[in-house]
Amino acid sequence: MKYYRCPVSQTLGIKAYSQRCSLPVTCKSAASLKPVRSVHFPNDVVFQDCVRHGELERIGRFIRASRVKLDTIYHSGMAAIHEAVLTGNLECVQLLVHYGADIHQRDEEGWTPLHMACSDGFPHIASYLLSLGADPELENECGEKPADLIDPDNKELLRLFGLAVND
């Protein structure tokens, strides 16, 4: 275990007092030692955070070093590709697909990345997934297809799925 000296006592020259006094002193002794603490998170937790923040270089390093599996379902109930879609970051989605993420991967409720792109209103990601062959007919556990989740005000997604009504 590593230890460090109390920085307050070193910089202010506080010395240990044998008597009690009413002065507020944050360190009881100039020689007081405290353990250094460090927190380590599992690779999956760090990787998931990188995906959420779109840290493409770090994501690539994790995958190339085989420190994560792209089909892992996290505590959130989703895989990395689902997390990337929810951020709306097309480059992140493309990177994960480049490294082998499954565009038909289902989360705990049977949602595919295309379901999420439609539900959250990301036509650029939906278009990309469709261009790769994502199946628009797959249903989630509630029997919903991706097109069923499109907000009626999202004209771009409606057009993409051939559901747009001419104004």
Protein backbone atom coordinates (compact mmCIF):
# COMPACT_ATOMS: atom_id res chain seq x y z
CA MET A 1 0.00 0.00 0.00
CA LYS A 2 1.32 3.45 -0.89
CA TYR A 3 1.26 6.33 1.57
CA TYR A 4 1.67 10.05 1.27
CA ARG A 5 2.20 12.79 3.79
CA CYS A 6 -0.59 15.19 4.55
CA PRO A 7 -0.04 18.09 2.11
CA VAL A 8 -1.48 20.69 4.48
CA SER A 9 1.00 19.94 7.23
CA GLN A 10 3.93 20.01 4.81
CA THR A 11 3.10 23.28 3.09
CA LEU A 12 1.99 25.16 6.20
CA GLY A 13 4.63 23.74 8.50
CA ILE A 14 2.08 22.47 11.01
CA LYS A 15 3.73 20.60 13.85
CA ALA A 16 2.21 18.01 16.12
CA TYR A 17 0.78 19.52 19.31
CA SER A 18 0.70 17.56 22.52
CA GLN A 19 -1.85 19.95 24.02
CA ARG A 20 -5.41 20.48 22.89
CA CYS A 21 -6.06 23.87 21.39
CA SER A 22 -9.04 25.55 19.78
CA LEU A 23 -7.32 26.14 16.44
CA PRO A 24 -8.80 24.14 13.55
CA VAL A 25 -6.08 21.84 12.27
CA THR A 26 -6.93 19.48 9.42
CA CYS A 27 -3.98 17.16 9.99
CA LYS A 28 -3.32 15.86 13.49
CA SER A 29 0.35 15.44 12.91
CA ALA A 30 2.96 16.50 10.41
CA ALA A 31 4.01 12.88 10.26
CA SER A 32 0.48 11.52 9.64
CA LEU A 33 0.33 9.06 6.77
CA LYS A 34 -2.76 8.20 4.77
CA PRO A 35 -3.18 5.40 2.24
CA VAL A 36 -3.38 6.35 -1.43
CA ARG A 37 -6.54 4.95 -2.95
CA SER A 38 -7.12 4.16 -6.55
CA VAL A 39 -10.24 2.87 -8.23
CA HIS A 40 -10.11 0.39 -11.08
CA PHE A 41 -13.13 -0.29 -13.24
CA PRO A 42 -13.63 -3.44 -15.31
CA ASN A 43 -12.81 -3.14 -19.02
CA ASP A 44 -16.48 -3.44 -19.97
CA VAL A 45 -17.45 -0.46 -17.81
CA VAL A 46 -14.68 1.73 -19.21
CA PHE A 47 -15.44 0.60 -22.77
CA GLN A 48 -19.14 1.35 -22.37
CA ASP A 49 -18.27 4.83 -21.11
CA CYS A 50 -15.98 5.38 -24.12
CA VAL A 51 -18.83 4.40 -26.44
CA ARG A 52 -21.25 6.75 -24.69
CA HIS A 53 -18.78 9.62 -25.09
CA GLY A 54 -17.76 8.73 -28.65
CA GLU A 55 -14.06 8.29 -27.84
CA LEU A 56 -13.26 6.58 -31.12
CA GLU A 57 -9.52 6.11 -30.58
CA ARG A 58 -10.00 4.47 -27.19
CA ILE A 59 -12.82 2.28 -28.54
CA GLY A 60 -10.52 1.06 -31.30
CA ARG A 61 -7.73 0.32 -28.81
CA PHE A 62 -10.05 -1.71 -26.60
CA ILE A 63 -11.26 -3.79 -29.53
CA ARG A 64 -7.84 -4.30 -31.14
CA ALA A 65 -6.43 -5.43 -27.80
CA SER A 66 -9.31 -7.93 -27.46
CA ARG A 67 -10.18 -6.47 -24.08
CA VAL A 68 -13.93 -6.51 -24.80
CA LYS A 69 -16.47 -8.51 -26.78
CA LEU A 70 -18.83 -6.54 -28.98
CA ASP A 71 -21.78 -8.84 -28.32
CA THR A 72 -21.69 -8.33 -24.54
CA ILE A 73 -24.99 -7.18 -23.06
CA TYR A 74 -24.18 -4.65 -20.32
CA HIS A 75 -26.07 -3.88 -17.14
CA SER A 76 -28.02 -1.31 -19.14
CA GLY A 77 -29.52 -4.22 -21.07
CA MET A 78 -27.82 -3.18 -24.31
CA ALA A 79 -24.71 -4.01 -26.32
CA ALA A 80 -22.12 -1.45 -27.42
CA ILE A 81 -23.79 -0.86 -30.77
CA HIS A 82 -27.06 0.04 -29.03
CA GLU A 83 -25.22 2.48 -26.78
CA ALA A 84 -23.57 4.07 -29.82
CA VAL A 85 -26.90 4.45 -31.64
CA LEU A 86 -28.46 6.12 -28.61
CA THR A 87 -25.73 8.76 -28.61
CA GLY A 88 -26.54 9.60 -32.22
CA ASN A 89 -22.87 9.24 -33.14
CA LEU A 90 -22.74 7.74 -36.64
CA GLU A 91 -18.93 7.52 -36.63
CA CYS A 92 -19.03 5.45 -33.46
CA VAL A 93 -21.65 3.11 -34.95
CA GLN A 94 -19.54 2.79 -38.12
CA LEU A 95 -16.43 1.98 -36.10
CA LEU A 96 -18.19 -0.74 -34.11
CA VAL A 97 -19.61 -2.24 -37.30
CA HIS A 98 -16.14 -2.09 -38.88
CA TYR A 99 -14.83 -4.20 -36.00
CA GLY A 100 -17.67 -6.71 -36.30
CA ALA A 101 -20.62 -5.46 -34.26
CA ASP A 102 -23.80 -7.19 -35.40
CA ILE A 103 -26.35 -4.80 -36.91
CA HIS A 104 -29.07 -7.29 -35.91
CA GLN A 105 -27.86 -7.57 -32.28
CA ARG A 106 -30.82 -7.55 -29.90
CA ASP A 107 -30.91 -5.96 -26.48
CA GLU A 108 -32.75 -7.44 -23.48
CA GLU A 109 -36.11 -6.35 -24.89
CA GLY A 110 -35.45 -7.54 -28.42
CA TRP A 111 -34.62 -4.12 -29.84
CA THR A 112 -32.16 -3.96 -32.72
CA PRO A 113 -29.97 -0.92 -33.42
CA LEU A 114 -32.47 0.01 -36.14
CA HIS A 115 -35.31 0.03 -33.58
CA MET A 116 -33.30 2.46 -31.48
CA ALA A 117 -32.35 4.70 -34.39
CA CYS A 118 -36.03 4.99 -35.34
CA SER A 119 -37.27 5.44 -31.80
CA ASP A 120 -34.74 8.14 -30.93
CA GLY A 121 -35.02 9.96 -34.25
CA PHE A 122 -31.65 9.37 -35.92
CA PRO A 123 -32.34 9.09 -39.67
CA HIS A 124 -28.63 9.22 -40.58
CA ILE A 125 -27.97 6.12 -38.46
CA ALA A 126 -31.13 4.35 -39.65
CA SER A 127 -30.11 5.01 -43.25
CA TYR A 128 -26.62 3.64 -42.61
CA LEU A 129 -27.98 0.49 -40.95
CA LEU A 130 -30.45 -0.07 -43.76
CA SER A 131 -27.65 0.34 -46.32
CA LEU A 132 -25.84 -2.52 -44.58
CA GLY A 133 -28.90 -4.74 -44.79
CA ALA A 134 -30.55 -4.18 -41.41
CA ASP A 135 -33.93 -5.91 -41.48
CA PRO A 136 -36.79 -3.40 -41.07
CA GLU A 137 -39.24 -6.26 -40.50
CA LEU A 138 -37.70 -7.58 -37.26
CA GLU A 139 -39.98 -7.15 -34.27
CA ASN A 140 -39.03 -6.47 -30.67
CA GLU A 141 -40.61 -8.37 -27.77
CA CYS A 142 -43.67 -6.10 -27.95
CA GLY A 143 -44.21 -6.96 -31.60
CA GLU A 144 -43.05 -3.55 -32.85
CA LYS A 145 -41.09 -3.07 -36.05
CA PRO A 146 -38.60 -0.19 -36.28
CA ALA A 147 -41.01 1.86 -38.41
CA ASP A 148 -43.67 1.56 -35.69
CA LEU A 149 -41.41 3.57 -33.35
CA ILE A 150 -40.92 6.60 -35.61
CA ASP A 151 -42.20 9.91 -34.27
CA PRO A 152 -44.87 11.18 -36.71
CA ASP A 153 -43.09 14.55 -36.81
CA ASN A 154 -39.83 13.04 -38.05
CA LYS A 155 -40.40 13.47 -41.77
CA GLU A 156 -36.92 12.29 -42.74
CA LEU A 157 -37.35 8.90 -41.05
CA LEU A 158 -40.88 8.57 -42.41
CA ARG A 159 -39.56 9.18 -45.96
CA LEU A 160 -36.76 6.66 -45.39
CA PHE A 161 -39.34 3.99 -44.60
CA GLY A 162 -41.75 5.11 -47.32
CA LEU A 163 -44.30 6.32 -44.79
CA ALA A 164 -44.22 10.04 -45.52
CA VAL A 165 -47.50 11.67 -46.38
CA ASN A 166 -47.22 14.36 -49.03
CA ASP A 167 -47.99 17.75 -47.54
